[in-house]
N, C-alpha and C. Protein backbone atom coordinates (compact mmCIF):
# COMPACT_ATOMS: atom_id res chain seq x y z
N MET A 1 0.83 -1.19 -0.03
CA MET A 1 0.03 -0.01 0.01
C MET A 1 0.90 1.19 0.08
N PRO A 2 0.59 2.25 -0.85
CA PRO A 2 1.41 3.40 -0.92
C PRO A 2 1.30 4.21 0.39
N THR A 3 2.41 4.86 0.73
CA THR A 3 2.41 5.68 1.93
C THR A 3 1.65 6.91 1.77
N ARG A 4 0.71 7.20 2.66
CA ARG A 4 -0.06 8.44 2.53
C ARG A 4 0.67 9.60 3.20
N THR A 5 0.46 10.73 2.63
CA THR A 5 0.97 11.97 3.23
C THR A 5 -0.15 12.86 3.70
N SER A 6 0.13 13.88 4.50
CA SER A 6 -0.92 14.79 4.97
C SER A 6 -1.54 15.38 3.71
N ALA A 7 -0.78 15.75 2.71
CA ALA A 7 -1.32 16.40 1.47
C ALA A 7 -2.32 15.46 0.81
N SER A 8 -1.95 14.16 0.67
CA SER A 8 -2.79 13.22 -0.06
C SER A 8 -4.09 12.92 0.76
N VAL A 9 -3.98 12.89 2.12
CA VAL A 9 -5.15 12.73 2.93
C VAL A 9 -6.10 13.96 2.71
N LEU A 10 -5.60 15.17 2.68
CA LEU A 10 -6.37 16.31 2.47
C LEU A 10 -7.07 16.30 1.19
N VAL A 11 -6.35 15.81 0.07
CA VAL A 11 -6.94 15.67 -1.21
C VAL A 11 -8.20 14.74 -1.18
N GLU A 12 -8.02 13.67 -0.49
CA GLU A 12 -9.12 12.66 -0.37
C GLU A 12 -10.27 13.27 0.47
N CYS A 13 -9.94 13.95 1.46
CA CYS A 13 -11.07 14.65 2.28
C CYS A 13 -11.79 15.70 1.49
N HIS A 14 -11.01 16.47 0.72
CA HIS A 14 -11.66 17.55 -0.13
C HIS A 14 -12.55 16.84 -1.18
N ALA A 15 -12.05 15.79 -1.78
CA ALA A 15 -12.90 15.05 -2.78
C ALA A 15 -14.16 14.47 -2.15
N ALA A 16 -14.02 13.91 -0.95
CA ALA A 16 -15.16 13.32 -0.28
C ALA A 16 -16.14 14.43 0.04
N GLY A 17 -15.70 15.57 0.47
CA GLY A 17 -16.64 16.71 0.72
C GLY A 17 -17.31 17.18 -0.57
N ARG A 18 -16.66 17.16 -1.69
CA ARG A 18 -17.33 17.59 -2.93
C ARG A 18 -18.32 16.61 -3.47
N THR A 19 -17.95 15.27 -3.30
CA THR A 19 -18.73 14.24 -3.88
C THR A 19 -19.78 13.70 -2.92
N GLY A 20 -19.54 13.85 -1.67
CA GLY A 20 -20.42 13.37 -0.68
C GLY A 20 -20.26 11.79 -0.52
N ILE A 21 -19.21 11.33 -1.07
CA ILE A 21 -18.94 9.78 -0.97
C ILE A 21 -17.97 9.60 0.16
N PHE A 22 -18.64 9.18 1.35
CA PHE A 22 -17.85 8.80 2.56
C PHE A 22 -18.80 7.99 3.39
N LEU A 23 -18.24 7.41 4.37
CA LEU A 23 -19.01 6.62 5.31
C LEU A 23 -18.95 7.33 6.66
N LEU A 24 -20.05 7.38 7.34
CA LEU A 24 -20.14 8.01 8.61
C LEU A 24 -20.31 6.88 9.69
N GLY A 25 -19.23 6.72 10.46
CA GLY A 25 -19.36 5.69 11.49
C GLY A 25 -20.47 5.95 12.48
N GLU A 26 -20.88 4.89 13.22
CA GLU A 26 -21.99 5.02 14.13
C GLU A 26 -21.71 6.10 15.19
N HIS A 27 -20.49 6.09 15.70
CA HIS A 27 -20.06 7.06 16.74
C HIS A 27 -20.11 8.39 16.23
N ALA A 28 -19.66 8.64 14.99
CA ALA A 28 -19.61 10.01 14.38
C ALA A 28 -21.06 10.44 14.13
N ALA A 29 -21.95 9.51 13.79
CA ALA A 29 -23.39 9.85 13.47
C ALA A 29 -24.03 10.32 14.80
N ASP A 30 -23.70 9.64 15.96
CA ASP A 30 -24.15 10.05 17.20
C ASP A 30 -23.67 11.45 17.60
N ARG A 31 -22.36 11.66 17.43
CA ARG A 31 -21.80 12.97 17.72
C ARG A 31 -22.38 14.11 16.86
N ALA A 32 -22.67 13.76 15.57
CA ALA A 32 -23.19 14.76 14.73
C ALA A 32 -24.58 15.12 15.21
N ARG A 33 -25.36 14.16 15.63
CA ARG A 33 -26.71 14.51 16.12
C ARG A 33 -26.64 15.31 17.41
N GLU A 34 -25.64 14.99 18.21
CA GLU A 34 -25.56 15.81 19.46
C GLU A 34 -25.22 17.22 19.20
N ARG A 35 -24.36 17.40 18.23
CA ARG A 35 -23.89 18.76 17.90
C ARG A 35 -24.76 19.46 16.85
N ARG A 36 -25.83 18.81 16.36
CA ARG A 36 -26.70 19.25 15.37
C ARG A 36 -25.91 19.60 14.04
N ILE A 37 -25.06 18.70 13.65
CA ILE A 37 -24.28 18.85 12.47
C ILE A 37 -24.97 17.96 11.44
N GLU A 38 -25.33 18.53 10.30
CA GLU A 38 -25.88 17.83 9.17
C GLU A 38 -24.87 17.41 8.24
N ILE A 39 -25.30 16.50 7.30
CA ILE A 39 -24.38 16.00 6.29
C ILE A 39 -23.75 17.15 5.45
N ASP A 40 -24.57 18.18 5.12
CA ASP A 40 -24.03 19.30 4.35
C ASP A 40 -22.93 20.02 5.10
N ASP A 41 -23.04 20.12 6.51
CA ASP A 41 -22.07 20.71 7.33
C ASP A 41 -20.71 19.90 7.25
N ILE A 42 -20.89 18.52 7.27
CA ILE A 42 -19.70 17.64 7.22
C ILE A 42 -19.06 17.84 5.86
N LYS A 43 -19.81 17.87 4.82
CA LYS A 43 -19.19 17.95 3.47
C LYS A 43 -18.44 19.27 3.35
N HIS A 44 -19.09 20.31 3.89
CA HIS A 44 -18.46 21.69 3.84
C HIS A 44 -17.12 21.66 4.61
N ALA A 45 -17.14 21.08 5.82
CA ALA A 45 -15.94 21.00 6.62
C ALA A 45 -14.77 20.24 5.99
N LEU A 46 -15.23 19.02 5.39
CA LEU A 46 -14.24 18.24 4.64
C LEU A 46 -13.54 19.02 3.48
N ARG A 47 -14.44 19.73 2.82
CA ARG A 47 -13.86 20.56 1.68
C ARG A 47 -12.86 21.59 2.12
N GLY A 48 -13.07 22.16 3.31
CA GLY A 48 -12.27 23.29 3.84
C GLY A 48 -11.16 22.84 4.75
N ALA A 49 -11.06 21.50 4.96
CA ALA A 49 -10.02 21.03 5.93
C ALA A 49 -8.60 21.43 5.49
N THR A 50 -7.78 21.90 6.52
CA THR A 50 -6.48 22.41 6.09
C THR A 50 -5.31 21.68 6.68
N ALA A 51 -5.56 20.67 7.57
CA ALA A 51 -4.45 19.96 8.18
C ALA A 51 -4.92 18.57 8.42
N ALA A 52 -3.92 17.60 8.22
CA ALA A 52 -4.15 16.14 8.46
C ALA A 52 -2.89 15.63 9.18
N THR A 53 -3.13 15.08 10.32
CA THR A 53 -1.99 14.63 11.23
C THR A 53 -2.16 13.16 11.39
N LEU A 54 -1.09 12.36 11.12
CA LEU A 54 -1.14 10.94 11.35
C LEU A 54 -1.07 10.64 12.85
N GLN A 55 -1.97 9.82 13.41
CA GLN A 55 -1.90 9.45 14.76
C GLN A 55 -1.22 8.09 14.97
N ASP A 56 -0.84 7.72 16.15
CA ASP A 56 -0.15 6.45 16.44
C ASP A 56 -0.98 5.25 16.06
N ASN A 57 -2.28 5.34 16.03
CA ASN A 57 -3.06 4.21 15.64
C ASN A 57 -3.37 4.07 14.15
N GLY A 58 -2.72 4.89 13.37
CA GLY A 58 -2.91 4.86 11.93
C GLY A 58 -4.02 5.61 11.40
N ARG A 59 -4.78 6.26 12.18
CA ARG A 59 -5.88 7.08 11.75
C ARG A 59 -5.35 8.52 11.57
N TRP A 60 -6.10 9.35 10.95
CA TRP A 60 -5.69 10.69 10.69
C TRP A 60 -6.63 11.65 11.41
N LYS A 61 -6.04 12.67 12.04
CA LYS A 61 -6.86 13.80 12.65
C LYS A 61 -6.86 14.84 11.57
N VAL A 62 -8.05 15.17 11.14
CA VAL A 62 -8.27 16.20 10.10
C VAL A 62 -8.93 17.42 10.65
N SER A 63 -8.33 18.57 10.51
CA SER A 63 -8.90 19.77 11.12
C SER A 63 -8.73 20.92 10.16
N GLY A 64 -9.33 22.08 10.66
CA GLY A 64 -9.29 23.30 9.82
C GLY A 64 -10.53 23.57 9.06
N GLY A 65 -11.45 22.61 8.97
CA GLY A 65 -12.72 22.78 8.21
C GLY A 65 -13.75 23.39 9.19
N LEU A 66 -14.73 24.07 8.57
CA LEU A 66 -15.79 24.75 9.29
C LEU A 66 -17.13 24.23 8.74
N ASP A 67 -18.07 24.16 9.72
CA ASP A 67 -19.47 23.78 9.23
C ASP A 67 -20.12 25.02 8.61
N LEU A 68 -21.30 24.97 8.13
CA LEU A 68 -21.97 25.96 7.43
C LEU A 68 -22.20 27.22 8.22
N GLU A 69 -22.15 27.09 9.60
CA GLU A 69 -22.29 28.21 10.51
C GLU A 69 -20.95 28.77 10.91
N GLY A 70 -19.93 28.27 10.40
CA GLY A 70 -18.59 28.82 10.74
C GLY A 70 -17.94 28.22 11.91
N ASP A 71 -18.48 27.12 12.54
CA ASP A 71 -17.84 26.44 13.68
C ASP A 71 -16.89 25.39 13.21
N ALA A 72 -15.78 25.24 13.91
CA ALA A 72 -14.74 24.30 13.57
C ALA A 72 -15.27 22.87 13.77
N VAL A 73 -14.81 22.00 12.85
CA VAL A 73 -15.13 20.58 12.95
C VAL A 73 -13.90 19.84 12.69
N THR A 74 -13.55 18.98 13.66
CA THR A 74 -12.36 18.11 13.53
C THR A 74 -12.81 16.69 13.40
N PHE A 75 -12.15 15.91 12.53
CA PHE A 75 -12.51 14.53 12.25
C PHE A 75 -11.36 13.65 12.59
N ILE A 76 -11.69 12.41 12.94
CA ILE A 76 -10.71 11.31 12.93
C ILE A 76 -11.14 10.37 11.78
N VAL A 77 -10.25 10.31 10.80
CA VAL A 77 -10.64 9.50 9.61
C VAL A 77 -9.72 8.28 9.39
N MET A 78 -10.29 7.24 8.87
CA MET A 78 -9.58 6.10 8.48
C MET A 78 -9.88 5.94 6.99
N LEU A 79 -8.80 5.80 6.21
CA LEU A 79 -8.97 5.69 4.74
C LEU A 79 -8.79 4.26 4.27
N GLU A 80 -9.86 3.75 3.78
CA GLU A 80 -9.86 2.39 3.22
C GLU A 80 -10.93 2.30 2.10
N ARG A 81 -10.56 2.16 0.89
CA ARG A 81 -11.52 2.07 -0.22
C ARG A 81 -12.55 3.18 -0.14
N GLY A 82 -12.06 4.40 0.16
CA GLY A 82 -12.92 5.56 0.33
C GLY A 82 -12.55 6.21 1.56
N LEU A 83 -13.53 7.03 2.13
CA LEU A 83 -13.26 7.72 3.32
C LEU A 83 -14.26 7.26 4.37
N LEU A 84 -13.71 6.85 5.49
CA LEU A 84 -14.60 6.45 6.65
C LEU A 84 -14.36 7.51 7.72
N ILE A 85 -15.34 8.17 8.16
CA ILE A 85 -15.22 9.15 9.26
C ILE A 85 -15.52 8.37 10.50
N VAL A 86 -14.52 8.33 11.37
CA VAL A 86 -14.68 7.52 12.57
C VAL A 86 -15.39 8.27 13.63
N THR A 87 -14.95 9.59 13.83
CA THR A 87 -15.63 10.34 14.82
C THR A 87 -15.47 11.85 14.54
N LEU A 88 -16.27 12.65 15.23
CA LEU A 88 -16.21 14.04 15.03
C LEU A 88 -15.86 14.68 16.39
N PHE A 89 -15.22 15.79 16.41
CA PHE A 89 -14.94 16.53 17.67
C PHE A 89 -15.81 17.70 17.68
């Protein structure tokens, strides 16, 4: 498997935000409901993400994106055959 870079992860996040092709994990869906974040907010935040940091567990912390109201949204993502959002902060 090719090594991912922060830049390549951001490219994939931006693409997922544009296309809407991503999976929202159960925990992320629960957090989105708690925070009243809709799918369009998630797509907007993914398109605007500016940083991706690899964590020790192999997942990526993606930040810098804003929801449609201008609030910061941070994701923990796992990339496998597309984009799987594991959780939202």
